[in-house]
C-alpha atoms as a PDB file:
ATOM      1  CA  MET A   1       2.925 -32.972 -24.538  1.00  0.00           C
ATOM      2  CA  SER A   2       4.310 -34.214 -21.231  1.00  0.00           C
ATOM      3  CA  ALA A   3       6.177 -31.887 -18.881  1.00  0.00           C
ATOM      4  CA  PHE A   4       9.377 -33.887 -19.442  1.00  0.00           C
ATOM      5  CA  LYS A   5       9.134 -33.581 -23.236  1.00  0.00           C
ATOM      6  CA  SER A   6       8.353 -29.870 -22.914  1.00  0.00           C
ATOM      7  CA  ALA A   7      11.349 -29.325 -20.646  1.00  0.00           C
ATOM      8  CA  ALA A   8      13.638 -31.315 -22.964  1.00  0.00           C
ATOM      9  CA  LEU A   9      12.433 -29.365 -26.013  1.00  0.00           C
ATOM     10  CA  LEU A  10      12.874 -26.029 -24.266  1.00  0.00           C
ATOM     11  CA  GLY A  11      16.303 -27.091 -22.964  1.00  0.00           C
ATOM     12  CA  ALA A  12      17.435 -27.916 -26.505  1.00  0.00           C
ATOM     13  CA  LEU A  13      16.049 -24.592 -27.734  1.00  0.00           C
ATOM     14  CA  PHE A  14      17.895 -22.698 -24.950  1.00  0.00           C
ATOM     15  CA  ALA A  15      21.141 -24.524 -25.704  1.00  0.00           C
ATOM     16  CA  SER A  16      20.976 -23.732 -29.421  1.00  0.00           C
ATOM     17  CA  THR A  17      19.952 -20.114 -28.813  1.00  0.00           C
ATOM     18  CA  PHE A  18      22.660 -19.608 -26.197  1.00  0.00           C
ATOM     19  CA  THR A  19      25.321 -21.173 -28.440  1.00  0.00           C
ATOM     20  CA  VAL A  20      24.459 -18.857 -31.326  1.00  0.00           C
ATOM     21  CA  ALA A  21      24.148 -15.704 -29.208  1.00  0.00           C
ATOM     22  CA  ALA A  22      26.803 -16.343 -26.528  1.00  0.00           C
ATOM     23  CA  SER A  23      29.478 -14.324 -28.310  1.00  0.00           C
ATOM     24  CA  ALA A  24      27.112 -11.408 -28.903  1.00  0.00           C
ATOM     25  CA  GLN A  25      26.257  -8.721 -26.391  1.00  0.00           C
ATOM     26  CA  GLY A  26      22.741  -8.706 -24.979  1.00  0.00           C
ATOM     27  CA  VAL A  27      22.070 -12.302 -23.865  1.00  0.00           C
ATOM     28  CA  ALA A  28      19.833 -12.216 -20.779  1.00  0.00           C
ATOM     29  CA  ILE A  29      19.263 -15.048 -18.306  1.00  0.00           C
ATOM     30  CA  GLU A  30      16.749 -14.695 -15.476  1.00  0.00           C
ATOM     31  CA  GLY A  31      15.653 -16.631 -12.425  1.00  0.00           C
ATOM     32  CA  ASN A  32      12.524 -15.490 -10.583  1.00  0.00           C
ATOM     33  CA  LEU A  33      10.217 -16.457  -7.764  1.00  0.00           C
ATOM     34  CA  ALA A  34       6.855 -15.999  -9.470  1.00  0.00           C
ATOM     35  CA  ARG A  35       3.100 -16.188  -9.048  1.00  0.00           C
ATOM     36  CA  ALA A  36       1.772 -17.144 -12.484  1.00  0.00           C
ATOM     37  CA  GLN A  37      -0.954 -19.345 -13.938  1.00  0.00           C
ATOM     38  CA  GLY A  38      -2.470 -19.575 -10.454  1.00  0.00           C
ATOM     39  CA  HIS A  39       0.658 -21.096  -8.886  1.00  0.00           C
ATOM     40  CA  TRP A  40       3.752 -20.036  -6.950  1.00  0.00           C
ATOM     41  CA  GLY A  41       6.931 -21.378  -8.490  1.00  0.00           C
ATOM     42  CA  GLY A  42      10.250 -20.603 -10.083  1.00  0.00           C
ATOM     43  CA  GLU A  43      10.731 -19.067 -13.506  1.00  0.00           C
ATOM     44  CA  LEU A  44      13.891 -19.832 -15.447  1.00  0.00           C
ATOM     45  CA  GLY A  45      14.257 -17.920 -18.693  1.00  0.00           C
ATOM     46  CA  ALA A  46      16.676 -16.828 -21.386  1.00  0.00           C
ATOM     47  CA  GLY A  47      16.419 -14.156 -24.037  1.00  0.00           C
ATOM     48  CA  TYR A  48      18.241 -11.519 -25.995  1.00  0.00           C
ATOM     49  CA  GLY A  49      18.214  -7.743 -25.536  1.00  0.00           C
ATOM     50  CA  LEU A  50      18.025  -5.663 -28.703  1.00  0.00           C
ATOM     51  CA  ARG A  51      19.300  -2.211 -27.756  1.00  0.00           C
ATOM     52  CA  ALA A  52      18.961   1.163 -29.459  1.00  0.00           C
ATOM     53  CA  GLY A  53      20.283   3.875 -27.154  1.00  0.00           C
ATOM     54  CA  PRO A  54      18.342   3.773 -23.866  1.00  0.00           C
ATOM     55  CA  ILE A  55      15.580   1.533 -25.318  1.00  0.00           C
ATOM     56  CA  THR A  56      15.758  -2.260 -25.043  1.00  0.00           C
ATOM     57  CA  LEU A  57      13.428  -4.832 -26.610  1.00  0.00           C
ATOM     58  CA  ARG A  58      13.836  -8.239 -24.970  1.00  0.00           C
ATOM     59  CA  PRO A  59      12.130 -11.473 -26.089  1.00  0.00           C
ATOM     60  CA  ILE A  60      12.409 -14.194 -23.411  1.00  0.00           C
ATOM     61  CA  GLY A  61      11.412 -17.858 -23.329  1.00  0.00           C
ATOM     62  CA  GLY A  62      11.372 -20.052 -20.272  1.00  0.00           C
ATOM     63  CA  LEU A  63       9.898 -22.514 -17.854  1.00  0.00           C
ATOM     64  CA  LEU A  64       7.619 -22.055 -14.850  1.00  0.00           C
ATOM     65  CA  ILE A  65       8.362 -24.881 -12.418  1.00  0.00           C
ATOM     66  CA  HIS A  66       5.897 -25.448  -9.560  1.00  0.00           C
ATOM     67  CA  SER A  67       4.416 -28.186  -7.393  1.00  0.00           C
ATOM     68  CA  ASP A  68       0.768 -29.115  -7.674  1.00  0.00           C
ATOM     69  CA  ASN A  69      -0.620 -31.786  -5.313  1.00  0.00           C
ATOM     70  CA  ASP A  70       2.910 -33.023  -4.528  1.00  0.00           C
ATOM     71  CA  GLU A  71       3.717 -33.397  -8.237  1.00  0.00           C
ATOM     72  CA  ARG A  72       6.205 -31.140  -9.991  1.00  0.00           C
ATOM     73  CA  GLU A  73       4.820 -29.430 -13.088  1.00  0.00           C
ATOM     74  CA  VAL A  74       6.729 -27.585 -15.776  1.00  0.00           C
ATOM     75  CA  LYS A  75       4.981 -25.050 -18.009  1.00  0.00           C
ATOM     76  CA  LEU A  76       6.397 -23.096 -20.925  1.00  0.00           C
ATOM     77  CA  TYR A  77       6.119 -19.328 -21.215  1.00  0.00           C
ATOM     78  CA  ALA A  78       7.215 -16.572 -23.563  1.00  0.00           C
ATOM     79  CA  LYS A  79       7.640 -12.901 -22.726  1.00  0.00           C
ATOM     80  CA  ALA A  80       8.356  -9.750 -24.670  1.00  0.00           C
ATOM     81  CA  GLU A  81       9.569  -6.653 -22.820  1.00  0.00           C
ATOM     82  CA  ALA A  82      10.242  -3.059 -23.858  1.00  0.00           C
ATOM     83  CA  THR A  83      12.233  -0.944 -21.409  1.00  0.00           C
ATOM     84  CA  VAL A  84      13.940   2.421 -21.108  1.00  0.00           C
ATOM     85  CA  THR A  85      17.171   2.737 -19.128  1.00  0.00           C
ATOM     86  CA  ILE A  86      17.388   5.745 -16.841  1.00  0.00           C
ATOM     87  CA  PRO A  87      21.122   6.041 -16.041  1.00  0.00           C
ATOM     88  CA  ALA A  88      22.092   5.586 -12.381  1.00  0.00           C
ATOM     89  CA  LEU A  89      18.467   4.723 -11.506  1.00  0.00           C
ATOM     90  CA  ALA A  90      16.738   1.772 -13.190  1.00  0.00           C
ATOM     91  CA  GLU A  91      15.506   0.054 -16.311  1.00  0.00           C
ATOM     92  CA  LEU A  92      11.708   0.617 -16.457  1.00  0.00           C
ATOM     93  CA  GLY A  93       9.139  -0.675 -18.911  1.00  0.00           C
ATOM     94  CA  ALA A  94       6.315  -3.034 -19.759  1.00  0.00           C
ATOM     95  CA  GLY A  95       5.953  -6.567 -20.998  1.00  0.00           C
ATOM     96  CA  ALA A  96       3.548  -9.259 -22.111  1.00  0.00           C
ATOM     97  CA  ARG A  97       3.730 -12.841 -20.804  1.00  0.00           C
ATOM     98  CA  ILE A  98       2.157 -15.633 -22.839  1.00  0.00           C
ATOM     99  CA  SER A  99       1.524 -18.954 -21.113  1.00  0.00           C
ATOM    100  CA  GLY A 100      -1.164 -21.516 -21.641  1.00  0.00           C
ATOM    101  CA  ASP A 101      -4.034 -19.731 -23.340  1.00  0.00           C
ATOM    102  CA  ARG A 102      -3.524 -16.361 -21.587  1.00  0.00           C
ATOM    103  CA  THR A 103      -1.531 -13.226 -22.298  1.00  0.00           C
ATOM    104  CA  ARG A 104      -0.831 -11.000 -19.311  1.00  0.00           C
ATOM    105  CA  ILE A 105       0.461  -7.423 -19.508  1.00  0.00           C
ATOM    106  CA  TYR A 106       2.829  -6.321 -16.727  1.00  0.00           C
ATOM    107  CA  GLY A 107       5.143  -3.546 -15.616  1.00  0.00           C
ATOM    108  CA  THR A 108       8.821  -4.284 -15.092  1.00  0.00           C
ATOM    109  CA  ALA A 109      11.700  -2.622 -13.250  1.00  0.00           C
ATOM    110  CA  ALA A 110      15.341  -3.691 -12.938  1.00  0.00           C
ATOM    111  CA  PHE A 111      17.998  -2.196 -10.672  1.00  0.00           C
ATOM    112  CA  ASP A 112      21.770  -2.673 -10.964  1.00  0.00           C
ATOM    113  CA  LEU A 113      23.383  -4.930  -8.368  1.00  0.00           C
ATOM    114  CA  LEU A 114      26.686  -5.469 -10.197  1.00  0.00           C
ATOM    115  CA  PRO A 115      27.798  -4.433 -13.714  1.00  0.00           C
ATOM    116  CA  LYS A 116      26.078  -7.410 -15.410  1.00  0.00           C
ATOM    117  CA  LEU A 117      23.582  -8.372 -12.711  1.00  0.00           C
ATOM    118  CA  LYS A 118      20.209  -6.763 -11.916  1.00  0.00           C
ATOM    119  CA  LEU A 119      17.465  -7.196  -9.339  1.00  0.00           C
ATOM    120  CA  LYS A 120      14.282  -7.426 -11.408  1.00  0.00           C
ATOM    121  CA  GLY A 121      10.585  -7.282 -10.568  1.00  0.00           C
ATOM    122  CA  ASN A 122       7.465  -7.750 -12.690  1.00  0.00           C
ATOM    123  CA  LEU A 123       3.900  -6.951 -11.629  1.00  0.00           C
ATOM    124  CA  GLY A 124       0.628  -7.276 -13.524  1.00  0.00           C
ATOM    125  CA  ASP A 125      -2.889  -8.705 -13.331  1.00  0.00           C
ATOM    126  CA  GLY A 126      -2.500 -12.314 -12.174  1.00  0.00           C
ATOM    127  CA  TYR A 127       1.307 -12.226 -12.507  1.00  0.00           C
ATOM    128  CA  ALA A 128       4.081 -11.176 -10.146  1.00  0.00           C
ATOM    129  CA  ALA A 129       7.778 -12.078 -10.121  1.00  0.00           C
ATOM    130  CA  ILE A 130      10.984 -11.004  -8.406  1.00  0.00           C
ATOM    131  CA  GLY A 131      14.447 -12.294  -9.131  1.00  0.00           C
ATOM    132  CA  ILE A 132      17.848 -11.814 -10.701  1.00  0.00           C
ATOM    133  CA  MET A 133      18.692 -11.082 -14.336  1.00  0.00           C
ATOM    134  CA  GLY A 134      22.180 -11.470 -15.776  1.00  0.00           C
ATOM    135  CA  GLN A 135      23.099  -9.718 -19.012  1.00  0.00           C
ATOM    136  CA  PHE A 136      26.094 -10.868 -21.042  1.00  0.00           C
END
């Protein structure tokens, strides 16, 4: 599947998911600078946080956009995160990122910037990302 078709398919999936979940609490949108699949690039993702007290389970789908030999490439990824919120400190946890034929386990931490905006970092074997996550 070409990168354009992949991006169009994922865009349609995001639009339908966001439309259904936009009125519900827990929609998460993230933008990260990331090192993944052997490349530096930008991650753009959307997901939904399922909360039970301080515990959050968050499935996320997105795109890794990077340049390779002066050509822009777009790759799909999926993540699943489980975190615990420590009030007035951070949201800490672990996740798994699936892209291509690899699954990478990573640690994650998010710190409040504004009421619905967090600074978020992920770090694992062969994967690192830092960026902003909005929760609505």
